[in-house]
């Protein structure tokens, strides 16, 4: 996965954790839409591995 796709997914998680779900979803969707077909399996795996990044509470 290209670095800017990963960075956008990480930012999406940050926004979601900060109760900015709509913004987080838009950011994540835009990243996925920019990804190539070959990147999709890696994105799916990243999302599975990092699901708690979207749901854990901020300190």
N, C-alpha and C. Protein backbone atom coordinates (compact mmCIF):
# COMPACT_ATOMS: atom_id res chain seq x y z
N UNK A 1 0.86 -1.17 0.00
CA UNK A 1 0.00 0.00 0.00
C UNK A 1 0.91 1.23 0.00
N UNK A 2 0.52 2.20 -0.79
CA UNK A 2 1.31 3.42 -0.88
C UNK A 2 1.20 4.22 0.43
N UNK A 3 2.27 4.94 0.76
CA UNK A 3 2.29 5.66 2.03
C UNK A 3 1.14 6.65 2.21
N UNK A 4 0.71 7.33 1.16
CA UNK A 4 -0.37 8.31 1.34
C UNK A 4 -1.71 7.63 1.61
N UNK A 5 -1.88 6.41 1.12
CA UNK A 5 -3.11 5.66 1.42
C UNK A 5 -3.10 5.27 2.91
N UNK A 6 -1.98 4.74 3.38
CA UNK A 6 -1.86 4.37 4.79
C UNK A 6 -2.05 5.59 5.69
N UNK A 7 -1.45 6.71 5.34
CA UNK A 7 -1.58 7.92 6.14
C UNK A 7 -3.04 8.37 6.20
N UNK A 8 -3.75 8.27 5.09
CA UNK A 8 -5.16 8.66 5.07
C UNK A 8 -6.00 7.72 5.94
N UNK A 9 -5.70 6.44 5.92
CA UNK A 9 -6.43 5.49 6.77
C UNK A 9 -6.14 5.75 8.24
N UNK A 10 -4.90 6.06 8.56
CA UNK A 10 -4.55 6.39 9.94
C UNK A 10 -5.27 7.66 10.39
N UNK A 11 -5.33 8.65 9.52
CA UNK A 11 -6.05 9.90 9.85
C UNK A 11 -7.54 9.62 10.01
N UNK A 12 -8.07 8.75 9.16
CA UNK A 12 -9.47 8.36 9.27
C UNK A 12 -9.76 7.78 10.66
N UNK A 13 -8.85 6.94 11.13
CA UNK A 13 -9.02 6.36 12.47
C UNK A 13 -8.98 7.45 13.54
N UNK A 14 -8.06 8.40 13.41
CA UNK A 14 -7.97 9.50 14.38
C UNK A 14 -9.26 10.30 14.42
N UNK A 15 -9.80 10.62 13.26
CA UNK A 15 -11.04 11.39 13.20
C UNK A 15 -12.19 10.62 13.83
N UNK A 16 -12.26 9.34 13.53
CA UNK A 16 -13.33 8.51 14.07
C UNK A 16 -13.26 8.45 15.60
N UNK A 17 -12.05 8.27 16.12
CA UNK A 17 -11.87 8.23 17.58
C UNK A 17 -12.25 9.56 18.22
N UNK A 18 -12.12 10.64 17.48
CA UNK A 18 -12.43 11.97 18.00
C UNK A 18 -13.89 12.35 17.78
N UNK A 19 -14.73 11.33 17.58
CA UNK A 19 -16.17 11.54 17.37
C UNK A 19 -16.46 12.37 16.13
N UNK A 20 -15.63 12.23 15.13
CA UNK A 20 -15.85 12.89 13.83
C UNK A 20 -16.04 11.80 12.78
N UNK A 21 -17.06 10.97 13.01
CA UNK A 21 -17.29 9.77 12.20
C UNK A 21 -17.46 10.11 10.72
N UNK A 22 -18.27 11.11 10.41
CA UNK A 22 -18.53 11.44 9.00
C UNK A 22 -17.22 11.85 8.31
N UNK A 23 -16.44 12.70 8.97
CA UNK A 23 -15.15 13.11 8.39
C UNK A 23 -14.21 11.92 8.25
N UNK A 24 -14.19 11.07 9.25
CA UNK A 24 -13.35 9.88 9.19
C UNK A 24 -13.75 8.94 8.07
N UNK A 25 -15.05 8.76 7.90
CA UNK A 25 -15.52 7.89 6.82
C UNK A 25 -15.20 8.48 5.46
N UNK A 26 -15.35 9.78 5.32
CA UNK A 26 -15.01 10.42 4.04
C UNK A 26 -13.54 10.26 3.71
N UNK A 27 -12.70 10.45 4.71
CA UNK A 27 -11.26 10.32 4.49
C UNK A 27 -10.91 8.88 4.11
N UNK A 28 -11.45 7.92 4.83
CA UNK A 28 -11.18 6.52 4.54
C UNK A 28 -11.70 6.11 3.17
N UNK A 29 -12.89 6.56 2.84
CA UNK A 29 -13.47 6.23 1.54
C UNK A 29 -12.63 6.82 0.41
N UNK A 30 -12.18 8.05 0.57
CA UNK A 30 -11.35 8.67 -0.46
C UNK A 30 -10.05 7.89 -0.65
N UNK A 31 -9.46 7.44 0.44
CA UNK A 31 -8.22 6.65 0.34
C UNK A 31 -8.47 5.35 -0.40
N UNK A 32 -9.54 4.67 -0.05
CA UNK A 32 -9.85 3.39 -0.70
C UNK A 32 -10.16 3.61 -2.18
N UNK A 33 -10.85 4.69 -2.50
CA UNK A 33 -11.17 4.98 -3.90
C UNK A 33 -9.93 5.29 -4.72
N UNK A 34 -8.88 5.79 -4.10
CA UNK A 34 -7.63 6.09 -4.80
C UNK A 34 -6.75 4.86 -4.96
N UNK A 35 -7.02 3.84 -4.19
CA UNK A 35 -6.20 2.63 -4.21
C UNK A 35 -6.41 1.84 -5.49
N UNK A 36 -5.36 1.15 -5.88
CA UNK A 36 -5.46 0.27 -7.03
C UNK A 36 -6.10 -1.04 -6.59
N UNK A 37 -6.57 -1.79 -7.56
CA UNK A 37 -7.18 -3.10 -7.27
C UNK A 37 -6.20 -3.98 -6.50
N UNK A 38 -4.92 -3.90 -6.84
CA UNK A 38 -3.90 -4.72 -6.18
C UNK A 38 -3.70 -4.33 -4.72
N UNK A 39 -4.02 -3.09 -4.37
CA UNK A 39 -3.85 -2.64 -2.98
C UNK A 39 -5.02 -3.04 -2.09
N UNK A 40 -6.15 -3.36 -2.66
CA UNK A 40 -7.34 -3.64 -1.86
C UNK A 40 -7.16 -4.77 -0.84
N UNK A 41 -6.54 -5.91 -1.20
CA UNK A 41 -6.34 -6.93 -0.16
C UNK A 41 -5.50 -6.44 1.02
N UNK A 42 -4.47 -5.65 0.73
CA UNK A 42 -3.64 -5.12 1.81
C UNK A 42 -4.42 -4.13 2.67
N UNK A 43 -5.27 -3.34 2.05
CA UNK A 43 -6.11 -2.40 2.80
C UNK A 43 -7.08 -3.16 3.68
N UNK A 44 -7.71 -4.20 3.14
CA UNK A 44 -8.62 -5.02 3.95
C UNK A 44 -7.90 -5.60 5.16
N UNK A 45 -6.68 -6.10 4.95
CA UNK A 45 -5.92 -6.67 6.06
C UNK A 45 -5.55 -5.59 7.06
N UNK A 46 -5.15 -4.42 6.58
CA UNK A 46 -4.80 -3.33 7.48
C UNK A 46 -6.00 -2.95 8.33
N UNK A 47 -7.18 -2.83 7.70
CA UNK A 47 -8.39 -2.47 8.44
C UNK A 47 -8.73 -3.53 9.49
N UNK A 48 -8.55 -4.80 9.15
CA UNK A 48 -8.79 -5.88 10.11
C UNK A 48 -7.80 -5.79 11.27
N UNK A 49 -6.54 -5.59 10.95
CA UNK A 49 -5.50 -5.52 11.98
C UNK A 49 -5.61 -4.29 12.86
N UNK A 50 -6.21 -3.23 12.35
CA UNK A 50 -6.25 -1.95 13.06
C UNK A 50 -7.67 -1.51 13.44
N UNK A 51 -8.58 -2.44 13.51
CA UNK A 51 -9.97 -2.09 13.84
C UNK A 51 -10.06 -1.34 15.16
N UNK A 52 -9.25 -1.72 16.14
CA UNK A 52 -9.31 -1.03 17.44
C UNK A 52 -8.80 0.40 17.34
N UNK A 53 -8.04 0.74 16.30
CA UNK A 53 -7.59 2.13 16.11
C UNK A 53 -8.78 3.06 15.89
N UNK A 54 -9.87 2.51 15.39
CA UNK A 54 -11.07 3.30 15.10
C UNK A 54 -12.00 3.41 16.31
N UNK A 55 -11.85 2.52 17.27
CA UNK A 55 -12.83 2.44 18.36
C UNK A 55 -12.29 2.74 19.75
N UNK A 56 -11.00 2.70 19.95
CA UNK A 56 -10.48 2.92 21.32
C UNK A 56 -10.70 4.37 21.73
N UNK A 57 -10.79 4.56 23.01
CA UNK A 57 -11.03 5.89 23.56
C UNK A 57 -9.74 6.71 23.55
N UNK A 58 -9.89 8.00 23.27
CA UNK A 58 -8.76 8.92 23.35
C UNK A 58 -8.42 9.16 24.82
N UNK A 59 -7.14 9.36 25.09
CA UNK A 59 -6.72 9.63 26.47
C UNK A 59 -6.92 11.09 26.82
